[in-house]
Amino acid sequence: MYVPPISPPPAPGKVRIITRVKFPSPDPGRLGRYDEVITYMTPDGRTWMITIPAEIFEGKIEAEQERIISERIKIDIQARAAWEGREITL
């Protein structure tokens, strides 16, 4: 069985886009529309995913699409950081 090589984490302050996949949205409110799932790796080697409605990218040049993805990843990282390291009582 072939196992692809694992790439090293990206440089500090950067993320690596692993995949970008367009597929029919599973959200009942978006029936008939498409979403894109972006899988990315952070400098600590962790892999995360975000979902963006595909129509946001329609008619945009690649540089603008990259800016949109970058903004969404920053929001995702900030939201996660608010919970990382918290201790809760069970």
Protein backbone atom coordinates (compact mmCIF):
# COMPACT_ATOMS: atom_id res chain seq x y z
CA MET A 1 0.00 0.00 0.00
CA TYR A 2 1.34 3.41 -0.99
CA VAL A 3 1.58 5.96 1.81
CA PRO A 4 2.29 9.50 0.60
CA PRO A 5 5.16 11.28 2.35
CA ILE A 6 4.19 13.61 5.16
CA SER A 7 5.28 17.14 4.44
CA PRO A 8 6.84 19.18 7.22
CA PRO A 9 4.77 21.93 8.84
CA PRO A 10 4.81 25.36 7.18
CA ALA A 11 7.03 28.21 8.38
CA PRO A 12 5.92 30.23 11.43
CA GLY A 13 3.24 32.75 10.54
CA LYS A 14 2.09 30.72 7.53
CA VAL A 15 -0.34 27.90 6.83
CA ARG A 16 -0.18 25.30 4.09
CA ILE A 17 -3.29 24.58 2.04
CA ILE A 18 -3.51 20.79 1.79
CA THR A 19 -6.72 20.50 -0.24
CA ARG A 20 -9.51 22.63 -1.61
CA VAL A 21 -12.58 20.62 -2.60
CA LYS A 22 -15.91 21.81 -4.05
CA PHE A 23 -18.97 19.67 -3.29
CA PRO A 24 -22.77 19.96 -2.92
CA SER A 25 -23.59 21.66 0.36
CA PRO A 26 -24.92 19.32 3.05
CA ASP A 27 -26.74 22.25 4.69
CA PRO A 28 -30.52 21.91 4.09
CA GLY A 29 -30.74 25.70 3.78
CA ARG A 30 -28.26 25.64 0.90
CA LEU A 31 -29.92 22.90 -1.16
CA GLY A 32 -28.67 22.99 -4.76
CA ARG A 33 -25.63 25.13 -3.90
CA TYR A 34 -21.98 24.22 -3.46
CA ASP A 35 -19.46 24.66 -0.65
CA GLU A 36 -15.69 24.47 -0.66
CA VAL A 37 -13.80 22.73 2.12
CA ILE A 38 -10.27 23.99 2.63
CA THR A 39 -7.98 21.71 4.63
CA TYR A 40 -4.90 23.47 5.97
CA MET A 41 -1.90 22.81 8.22
CA THR A 42 -0.63 25.23 10.87
CA PRO A 43 3.04 25.66 11.88
CA ASP A 44 2.54 23.31 14.85
CA GLY A 45 1.75 20.51 12.39
CA ARG A 46 -1.97 20.35 13.16
CA THR A 47 -4.49 19.97 10.34
CA TRP A 48 -7.80 21.86 10.31
CA MET A 49 -10.74 22.40 7.94
CA ILE A 50 -13.00 25.32 7.09
CA THR A 51 -16.08 25.42 4.86
CA ILE A 52 -16.84 28.41 2.64
CA PRO A 53 -19.88 28.83 0.34
CA ALA A 54 -18.59 28.38 -3.23
CA GLU A 55 -20.48 31.40 -4.55
CA ILE A 56 -18.18 33.67 -2.54
CA PHE A 57 -15.39 32.70 -4.96
CA GLU A 58 -17.40 33.13 -8.19
CA GLY A 59 -15.90 35.68 -10.55
CA LYS A 60 -12.94 36.37 -8.25
CA ILE A 61 -9.34 36.22 -9.44
CA GLU A 62 -6.97 33.82 -7.67
CA ALA A 63 -5.37 36.55 -5.52
CA GLU A 64 -8.80 37.61 -4.22
CA GLN A 65 -9.72 33.99 -3.51
CA GLU A 66 -6.48 33.60 -1.54
CA ARG A 67 -7.30 36.73 0.47
CA ILE A 68 -10.77 35.36 1.32
CA ILE A 69 -9.33 31.99 2.38
CA SER A 70 -6.66 33.74 4.46
CA GLU A 71 -9.26 35.86 6.28
CA ARG A 72 -11.45 32.82 7.01
CA ILE A 73 -8.48 30.83 8.32
CA LYS A 74 -7.51 33.72 10.63
CA ILE A 75 -11.07 33.79 12.02
CA ASP A 76 -10.98 30.01 12.51
CA ILE A 77 -7.65 30.15 14.36
CA GLN A 78 -8.86 33.00 16.60
CA ALA A 79 -12.06 31.14 17.48
CA ARG A 80 -10.11 28.02 18.44
CA ALA A 81 -7.56 30.01 20.45
CA ALA A 82 -10.35 31.27 22.70
CA TRP A 83 -10.84 27.69 23.97
CA GLU A 84 -7.39 26.13 23.78
CA GLY A 85 -5.82 25.53 27.16
CA ARG A 86 -9.01 26.05 29.16
CA GLU A 87 -9.67 23.72 32.00
CA ILE A 88 -13.24 22.77 32.77
CA THR A 89 -14.78 20.96 35.69
CA LEU A 90 -16.56 17.69 35.02
